[in-house]
Protein backbone atom coordinates (compact mmCIF):
# COMPACT_ATOMS: atom_id res chain seq x y z
CA MET A 1 8.70 22.71 6.01
CA THR A 2 10.36 25.77 4.62
CA ASN A 3 7.98 26.56 1.71
CA VAL A 4 5.89 29.75 2.64
CA LEU A 5 2.98 28.62 0.57
CA GLN A 6 2.86 25.21 2.24
CA ARG A 7 3.09 26.87 5.71
CA LYS A 8 0.14 29.16 4.85
CA LYS A 9 -1.94 26.35 3.50
CA LEU A 10 -1.19 24.16 6.61
CA GLN A 11 -2.50 26.91 8.90
CA GLU A 12 -5.65 27.40 6.65
CA PHE A 13 -6.41 23.64 6.75
CA LEU A 14 -6.12 23.50 10.57
CA GLN A 15 -8.18 26.67 11.10
CA SER A 16 -10.98 25.37 8.93
CA TYR A 17 -10.87 21.74 10.32
CA PHE A 18 -10.91 22.85 13.93
CA ARG A 19 -13.04 26.03 13.34
CA THR A 20 -10.73 28.48 15.06
CA ASP A 21 -8.98 31.77 14.18
CA ALA A 22 -5.86 30.70 16.21
CA THR A 23 -2.66 31.06 14.26
CA VAL A 24 0.47 29.01 14.28
CA GLY A 25 3.29 30.84 16.00
CA THR A 26 6.21 28.63 15.31
CA LEU A 27 6.63 25.09 13.72
CA ALA A 28 9.49 22.66 13.39
CA SER A 29 9.46 19.81 10.98
CA THR A 30 11.28 16.47 10.81
CA LEU A 31 11.55 14.65 7.38
CA VAL A 32 10.70 11.00 8.16
CA SER A 33 10.59 9.75 4.49
CA LYS A 34 14.32 10.22 3.61
CA GLY A 35 15.80 7.09 2.30
CA THR A 36 12.52 5.19 2.23
CA GLY A 37 11.62 5.67 -1.49
CA PHE A 38 8.31 7.36 -0.57
CA MET A 39 6.55 9.04 -3.42
CA SER A 40 6.20 12.16 -1.20
CA ASP A 41 8.06 14.07 1.35
CA VAL A 42 6.63 13.02 4.66
CA GLU A 43 7.20 15.25 7.66
CA VAL A 44 6.16 15.28 11.26
CA VAL A 45 5.44 18.98 12.01
CA SER A 46 5.51 20.23 15.65
CA LEU A 47 3.25 23.25 16.17
CA LYS A 48 3.22 26.00 18.76
CA TRP A 49 -0.02 28.03 18.64
CA ASN A 50 -0.51 31.68 19.40
CA ASP A 51 -2.93 32.31 22.30
CA ALA A 52 -6.53 32.19 21.17
CA ALA A 53 -9.93 31.38 22.95
CA TYR A 54 -10.76 27.89 21.99
CA CYS A 55 -12.99 25.16 23.47
CA ARG A 56 -10.84 22.13 22.78
CA PRO A 57 -7.01 21.48 22.41
CA LEU A 58 -5.40 22.09 19.10
CA PRO A 59 -2.96 19.52 17.83
CA SER A 60 0.64 19.93 18.88
CA SER A 61 1.85 18.06 15.83
CA VAL A 62 0.57 16.88 12.44
CA VAL A 63 1.90 14.83 9.52
CA THR A 64 2.22 16.40 6.16
CA LYS A 65 2.66 14.71 2.73
CA THR A 66 3.87 16.97 -0.05
CA VAL A 67 4.62 15.94 -3.65
CA SER A 68 8.36 15.31 -4.23
CA THR A 69 10.47 13.19 -6.53
CA THR A 70 13.44 13.40 -4.13
CA GLY A 71 12.77 10.07 -2.32
CA VAL A 72 12.03 8.06 -5.41
CA ASN A 73 14.99 9.50 -7.20
CA GLU A 74 17.17 8.49 -4.34
CA LEU A 75 15.69 5.07 -4.50
CA ALA A 76 16.27 4.77 -8.31
CA ALA A 77 19.92 5.65 -7.74
CA ALA A 78 20.31 3.28 -4.89
CA VAL A 79 19.12 0.29 -6.96
CA SER A 80 21.02 1.48 -10.00
CA CYS A 81 17.90 1.73 -12.18
CA ASP A 82 18.96 3.44 -15.35
CA SER A 83 15.43 3.45 -16.71
CA LEU A 84 14.34 5.69 -13.94
CA SER A 85 17.58 7.77 -13.53
CA ASN A 86 17.82 9.18 -17.05
CA ASP A 87 15.97 12.32 -18.23
CA ASP A 88 13.03 10.34 -19.70
CA GLY A 89 12.77 8.41 -16.37
CA LYS A 90 12.74 11.53 -14.41
CA SER A 91 10.01 12.97 -16.38
CA ILE A 92 8.02 9.81 -15.97
CA LEU A 93 8.57 9.95 -12.14
CA GLU A 94 7.41 13.60 -12.00
CA ARG A 95 4.21 12.70 -13.75
CA MET A 96 3.79 9.57 -11.62
CA VAL A 97 4.14 11.25 -8.22
CA LYS A 98 1.56 13.87 -9.33
CA LEU A 99 -0.94 11.24 -10.43
CA LEU A 100 -0.43 9.13 -7.27
CA HIS A 101 -0.91 12.25 -5.11
CA GLU A 102 -4.19 13.07 -6.90
CA ALA A 103 -5.31 9.41 -6.50
CA GLU A 104 -4.60 9.55 -2.77
CA CYS A 105 -6.50 12.79 -2.47
CA ARG A 106 -9.56 11.19 -4.08
CA ALA A 107 -9.43 8.29 -1.62
CA TYR A 108 -9.11 10.42 1.47
CA GLY A 109 -11.72 12.74 0.05
CA ILE A 110 -14.14 9.83 0.05
CA PHE A 111 -13.45 9.05 3.66
CA ARG A 112 -13.77 12.62 4.73
CA GLN A 113 -17.43 12.62 3.58
CA LEU A 114 -18.22 9.97 6.10
CA PRO A 115 -18.98 10.37 9.80
CA THR A 116 -16.98 7.23 10.35
CA PRO A 117 -14.65 5.71 7.79
CA PRO A 118 -15.24 2.07 6.99
CA LEU A 119 -11.70 1.23 8.22
CA PRO A 120 -9.15 2.92 10.43
CA VAL A 121 -7.49 5.87 8.64
CA PRO A 122 -5.79 9.03 9.99
CA ALA A 123 -8.04 12.05 10.46
CA ILE A 124 -7.39 14.19 7.35
CA PHE A 125 -7.24 17.89 8.27
CA GLY A 126 -6.79 19.09 4.66
CA LEU A 127 -5.77 18.08 1.12
CA ASN A 128 -4.84 20.00 -1.85
CA ARG A 129 -4.40 18.33 -5.29
CA LYS A 130 -2.54 21.10 -6.96
CA SER A 131 0.10 23.57 -5.86
CA PRO A 132 0.88 23.35 -3.04
CA ALA A 133 0.20 19.63 -3.55
CA MET A 134 -0.09 18.37 0.00
CA ILE A 135 -2.08 16.34 2.52
CA VAL A 136 -2.18 17.22 6.28
CA MET A 137 -3.24 14.59 8.70
CA GLU A 138 -3.34 13.40 12.21
CA ASP A 139 0.04 12.46 13.74
CA LEU A 140 -0.21 8.85 14.86
CA THR A 141 3.51 8.27 15.39
CA LYS A 142 3.39 8.16 19.08
CA ARG A 143 0.41 5.67 19.15
CA GLY A 144 1.31 3.41 16.42
CA ALA A 145 4.27 1.64 14.81
CA ILE A 146 5.14 -0.24 11.55
CA LEU A 147 6.23 -3.83 11.77
CA ASP A 148 9.68 -5.11 10.84
CA ASP A 149 9.56 -6.01 7.08
CA VAL A 150 11.95 -8.94 7.55
CA LEU A 151 10.12 -10.53 10.48
CA GLY A 152 6.74 -10.05 8.82
CA ILE A 153 3.29 -10.28 10.20
CA SER A 154 1.87 -12.66 12.85
CA PHE A 155 -1.36 -14.59 12.40
CA GLU A 156 -3.24 -12.38 14.73
CA GLN A 157 -2.01 -9.16 13.06
CA TRP A 158 -2.80 -10.72 9.66
CA ARG A 159 -6.24 -11.58 10.99
CA SER A 160 -6.74 -7.97 12.23
CA VAL A 161 -5.92 -6.50 8.76
CA VAL A 162 -8.08 -9.00 6.85
CA LEU A 163 -11.07 -8.26 9.07
CA HIS A 164 -10.78 -4.53 8.42
CA MET A 165 -10.37 -5.15 4.65
CA ALA A 166 -13.50 -7.32 4.56
CA ARG A 167 -15.47 -4.53 6.31
CA PHE A 168 -13.99 -1.91 3.97
CA HIS A 169 -14.85 -4.05 0.87
CA ALA A 170 -18.39 -4.72 2.17
CA TRP A 171 -18.87 -1.07 2.70
CA SER A 172 -18.09 -0.26 -0.90
CA LEU A 173 -20.72 -2.83 -1.92
CA THR A 174 -23.37 -1.44 0.33
CA THR A 175 -22.82 2.31 0.48
CA ASN A 176 -24.68 5.06 -1.35
CA VAL A 177 -21.51 7.06 -1.63
CA ASP A 178 -20.28 7.33 -5.20
CA TRP A 179 -16.80 6.13 -4.79
CA LYS A 180 -16.66 4.46 -8.25
CA SER A 181 -16.36 7.70 -10.30
CA CYS A 182 -13.37 8.64 -8.15
CA MET A 183 -11.76 5.20 -8.35
CA ASN A 184 -12.33 5.00 -12.07
CA GLU A 185 -10.12 8.13 -12.30
CA ASN A 186 -7.48 6.43 -10.12
CA VAL A 187 -7.28 3.57 -12.61
CA ILE A 188 -5.46 6.04 -14.98
CA ALA A 189 -2.67 6.54 -12.29
CA LYS A 190 -2.53 2.75 -11.80
CA LYS A 191 -2.17 2.11 -15.45
CA PHE A 192 0.44 4.71 -15.89
CA MET A 193 2.42 3.24 -12.91
CA ILE A 194 2.35 -0.25 -14.28
CA ASP A 195 3.21 0.79 -17.79
CA SER A 196 6.08 2.91 -16.53
CA SER A 197 7.44 0.02 -14.32
CA ASN A 198 7.79 -2.45 -17.26
CA GLU A 199 11.29 -1.52 -18.24
CA PHE A 200 12.29 -1.13 -14.53
CA SER A 201 11.04 -4.70 -13.84
CA LYS A 202 12.90 -6.18 -16.73
CA GLN A 203 16.16 -4.48 -15.73
CA ASN A 204 15.83 -5.47 -12.06
CA VAL A 205 15.26 -9.11 -12.96
CA ARG A 206 18.44 -9.12 -15.20
CA ILE A 207 20.37 -7.67 -12.20
CA MET A 208 19.08 -10.31 -9.88
CA ARG A 209 19.97 -13.12 -12.26
CA GLU A 210 23.49 -11.87 -12.59
CA LYS A 211 24.13 -10.59 -9.02
CA TYR A 212 22.37 -13.33 -7.14
CA ALA A 213 22.82 -16.18 -9.65
CA GLU A 214 22.72 -18.77 -6.79
CA TYR A 215 19.23 -17.87 -5.87
CA PHE A 216 17.76 -16.14 -8.93
CA GLY A 217 19.63 -17.33 -11.92
CA ASP A 218 16.75 -19.44 -13.30
CA LEU A 219 14.18 -16.70 -13.01
CA ASP A 220 11.85 -16.89 -16.01
CA GLU A 221 11.60 -13.43 -17.41
CA LYS A 222 8.81 -14.43 -19.79
CA LEU A 223 6.62 -15.43 -16.78
CA LEU A 224 7.11 -11.93 -15.37
CA GLU A 225 6.29 -10.20 -18.62
CA LYS A 226 3.16 -12.26 -19.18
CA THR A 227 1.97 -11.76 -15.66
CA THR A 228 2.74 -8.13 -14.78
CA THR A 229 1.90 -5.90 -17.77
CA TRP A 230 -1.23 -3.78 -17.85
CA GLU A 231 -2.80 -6.10 -20.48
CA ALA A 232 -2.13 -9.11 -18.29
CA MET A 233 -3.44 -7.30 -15.19
CA SER A 234 -6.64 -6.38 -17.10
CA GLU A 235 -7.11 -10.03 -18.10
CA HIS A 236 -6.74 -10.99 -14.44
CA GLU A 237 -9.36 -8.50 -13.41
CA GLU A 238 -11.82 -9.83 -16.01
CA MET A 239 -11.43 -13.30 -14.62
CA TYR A 240 -11.91 -12.07 -11.12
CA LYS A 241 -15.16 -10.18 -12.03
CA LYS A 242 -16.75 -13.60 -13.03
CA VAL A 243 -16.44 -14.72 -9.41
CA MET A 244 -16.58 -11.56 -7.13
CA PRO A 245 -18.11 -8.05 -7.56
CA GLU A 246 -15.78 -5.12 -7.86
CA VAL A 247 -15.04 -3.19 -4.74
CA MET A 248 -12.84 -0.17 -3.79
CA THR A 249 -9.35 -1.47 -3.10
CA HIS A 250 -6.33 -0.09 -1.28
CA GLY A 251 -3.96 -1.37 -3.79
CA ASP A 252 -0.78 -1.48 -1.72
CA THR A 253 -1.52 -3.43 1.46
CA TRP A 254 1.83 -4.20 2.89
CA ILE A 255 3.03 -3.59 6.49
CA ASN A 256 4.93 -0.32 5.66
CA ASN A 257 1.37 1.14 5.05
CA ILE A 258 -0.20 -0.25 8.20
CA LEU A 259 0.20 1.16 11.67
CA PHE A 260 -0.41 -1.27 14.53
CA LYS A 261 -1.21 0.04 17.99
CA ILE A 262 1.60 0.46 20.60
CA ASP A 263 1.06 -0.82 24.06
CA PRO A 264 0.75 2.36 26.19
CA ASN A 265 2.27 0.44 29.09
CA ALA A 266 5.17 -0.92 27.00
CA PRO A 267 6.08 1.45 24.15
CA ASP A 268 8.35 -1.09 22.50
CA ALA A 269 5.53 -3.61 22.36
CA ILE A 270 3.46 -3.60 19.15
CA LEU A 271 -0.05 -4.92 19.51
CA ASP A 272 -2.17 -7.09 17.16
CA GLU A 273 -4.72 -4.39 16.55
CA VAL A 274 -4.58 -2.05 13.54
CA LEU A 275 -4.39 1.67 14.29
CA ALA A 276 -4.56 2.95 10.83
CA ILE A 277 -4.14 2.07 7.17
CA ILE A 278 -2.33 4.69 5.32
CA ASP A 279 -0.89 5.57 1.80
CA TRP A 280 -3.91 5.33 -0.55
CA GLN A 281 -1.94 6.40 -3.64
CA THR A 282 -2.76 3.21 -5.50
CA SER A 283 -6.34 2.88 -4.38
CA SER A 284 -8.55 1.74 -7.30
CA ILE A 285 -11.47 -0.42 -8.29
CA GLY A 286 -11.12 -4.14 -8.58
CA CYS A 287 -11.18 -7.45 -6.66
CA GLY A 288 -10.97 -7.28 -3.00
CA LEU A 289 -8.82 -10.47 -2.80
CA THR A 290 -5.92 -8.61 -4.52
CA ASP A 291 -5.65 -6.51 -1.31
CA LEU A 292 -5.37 -9.73 0.68
CA ALA A 293 -2.92 -11.36 -1.88
CA HIS A 294 -0.67 -8.22 -1.91
CA LEU A 295 -0.44 -8.35 1.94
CA ALA A 296 0.29 -12.11 1.94
CA ALA A 297 2.91 -12.01 -0.85
CA TRP A 298 4.94 -9.12 0.64
CA CYS A 299 4.42 -9.53 4.43
CA VAL A 300 3.29 -12.97 5.63
CA PRO A 301 6.09 -15.42 6.49
CA VAL A 302 6.05 -18.31 3.94
CA GLN A 303 5.30 -21.14 6.43
CA LEU A 304 2.48 -19.16 8.16
CA LYS A 305 1.12 -18.30 4.60
CA ARG A 306 1.21 -22.05 3.49
CA SER A 307 -0.39 -23.35 6.66
CA ARG A 308 -3.11 -20.70 7.51
CA THR A 309 -4.28 -19.22 4.19
CA PHE A 310 -7.46 -21.11 4.16
CA ASP A 311 -8.22 -20.08 7.70
CA ILE A 312 -7.61 -16.42 6.81
CA LEU A 313 -9.89 -16.66 3.70
CA ARG A 314 -12.61 -18.23 5.79
CA ILE A 315 -12.39 -15.24 8.26
CA TYR A 316 -12.46 -12.76 5.26
CA TYR A 317 -15.38 -14.62 3.62
CA GLU A 318 -17.58 -14.74 6.66
CA GLU A 319 -16.90 -11.12 7.59
CA LEU A 320 -17.64 -9.95 4.10
CA GLN A 321 -20.92 -11.96 4.04
CA MET A 322 -22.01 -10.72 7.46
CA ASN A 323 -21.43 -7.05 6.53
CA CYS A 324 -23.00 -7.26 3.11
CA GLY A 325 -26.38 -8.41 4.36
CA SER A 326 -28.50 -9.98 1.54
CA ILE A 327 -26.38 -8.59 -1.38
CA LEU A 328 -24.11 -11.63 -1.58
CA ASN A 329 -26.55 -14.28 -0.48
CA GLY A 330 -26.02 -17.36 -2.53
CA LYS A 331 -23.73 -15.54 -4.93
CA LEU A 332 -20.36 -16.29 -3.34
CA ILE A 333 -19.01 -19.76 -2.53
CA LEU A 334 -15.95 -20.18 -0.25
CA ASP A 335 -14.35 -22.77 -2.58
CA ASP A 336 -14.67 -20.30 -5.43
CA VAL A 337 -13.08 -17.63 -3.35
CA PHE A 338 -10.18 -19.87 -2.38
CA ARG A 339 -9.52 -20.75 -6.05
CA LEU A 340 -9.73 -17.06 -7.03
CA TYR A 341 -7.37 -16.08 -4.22
CA GLN A 342 -4.82 -18.67 -5.35
CA HIS A 343 -4.62 -16.98 -8.70
CA ALA A 344 -4.37 -13.40 -7.17
CA LEU A 345 -1.72 -14.59 -4.78
CA ALA A 346 0.40 -16.13 -7.57
CA VAL A 347 0.14 -12.84 -9.51
CA GLN A 348 1.21 -10.74 -6.54
CA GLN A 349 4.16 -13.09 -5.80
CA VAL A 350 5.41 -12.65 -9.30
CA ILE A 351 4.95 -8.89 -9.05
CA LEU A 352 7.09 -8.91 -5.83
CA VAL A 353 10.12 -10.37 -7.51
CA PRO A 354 11.38 -7.35 -9.50
CA TYR A 355 11.12 -5.20 -6.41
CA PHE A 356 13.82 -7.20 -4.62
CA GLU A 357 16.39 -4.47 -4.47
CA MET A 358 13.85 -1.97 -3.31
CA TYR A 359 12.59 -4.36 -0.78
CA LYS A 360 16.01 -4.61 0.73
CA ILE A 361 16.16 -0.87 1.25
CA PHE A 362 12.66 -0.78 2.73
CA ALA A 363 13.63 -3.72 5.05
CA LYS A 364 16.96 -2.08 6.14
CA VAL A 365 18.70 -5.43 5.60
CA ASP A 366 22.11 -3.91 6.40
CA ARG A 367 21.29 -2.81 9.93
CA ASP A 368 22.37 -6.09 11.72
CA GLY A 369 25.73 -6.24 9.89
CA THR A 370 25.51 -10.02 9.59
CA GLY A 371 23.89 -10.49 6.27
CA GLN A 372 21.17 -12.60 7.94
CA ARG A 373 18.34 -10.04 7.18
CA GLU A 374 19.30 -9.95 3.55
CA LYS A 375 19.36 -13.76 3.36
CA GLN A 376 15.85 -13.87 4.91
CA VAL A 377 14.49 -11.39 2.29
CA ILE A 378 16.12 -13.39 -0.47
CA GLU A 379 14.64 -16.66 0.72
CA HIS A 380 11.17 -15.12 1.20
CA ILE A 381 11.20 -13.78 -2.44
CA ARG A 382 12.56 -17.15 -3.67
CA TYR A 383 9.86 -19.07 -1.98
CA CYS A 384 7.09 -16.73 -3.32
CA TYR A 385 8.51 -17.03 -6.84
CA ASP A 386 8.62 -20.84 -6.59
CA ASP A 387 5.03 -21.04 -5.35
CA ALA A 388 3.85 -18.82 -8.15
CA ALA A 389 5.85 -20.55 -10.85
CA LYS A 390 4.34 -23.93 -9.79
CA TYR A 391 0.84 -22.47 -9.89
CA PHE A 392 1.24 -21.13 -13.41
CA GLU A 393 2.97 -24.29 -14.67
CA TYR A 394 0.05 -26.33 -13.23
CA ARG A 395 -2.37 -24.05 -15.16
CA ARG A 396 -0.39 -24.41 -18.34
CA LYS A 397 -0.08 -28.20 -18.15
CA ASN A 398 -3.80 -28.50 -17.58
CA VAL A 399 -4.68 -25.94 -20.16
CA ILE A 400 -6.68 -23.94 -17.62
CA HIS A 401 -7.90 -20.65 -19.17
CA SER A 402 -10.42 -19.52 -16.54
CA LEU A 403 -10.87 -19.75 -12.74
């Protein structure tokens, strides 16, 4: 962190949060987002405080997120995406990262109002929507870890995330906090991101069909176009609303945005319990099942997903009902939830396909040097596409227009 204005704002945030006049003597930062395609520069900042009378310890490190197009520009270049690498594309990316930062600030701003957030998130020490556009939060890197993208999530870890999402969605149905006005603003960022991604998606599908013809030569480009545009997504949401009430959603629930607790007695062992859910840049208003579907499409191994989906949905359904009290009594039937989820999952599995090249980078498929990790990612995405294509073909043949 070399920007003087950012350093000054960081100190102001910490002094305000911890109610101290202590000053930061020196700091050292490590950029942890390089090569990951993050929409921000994410740094772990180590702090040394000047002496000051204070009643409780001050943090020795924090995590900062500052608006930057560096990471996403690197990613666009790595996947040879011309639609994002030209001048128009760079202009789009600059606007996108600003909108997404503001969206994340709104989400964390909601949680900061609460004595206890409705699901585990890092403590937010400060946030600034405009220059310097940054978020300063609790450093959880020594207490939590992100799972391996290729290996995916276990059933117990899946269950842990789903329980938290059920409680979060229930909170949004029962709270007096006005989260809807903030999330309605976030819809603008979501629409811009989807609209801006259309050309990127088409280009990536063409690359996949040519470069990996053995696996993806038969991809139906029309299915992707009909499923993933803003107009199509809006139609899906209208269908969802007929079955389930709208809630506050995370919007990007995959395991790179979920920290699981580390066993303090065995630092290499990742536990089943969620430590924090991060990266709220695509938080919005919509159907809660889309959060579950996104997680399943991206992170749940195919055979586990096929065999245990109904069990997971029952867990979500029961937890949601229990935390909503009388609000949902008699208004929500498990079979309807399952049917709705099948549609949401098929949509998310189609959305996953054009992100194949990016997924490979996130998953660090080259690190084993054998090609096995890349093959696992290819097979995962192919299975997801096949399941989704079968679902939409069934709907087409049976002329199903609603859920």
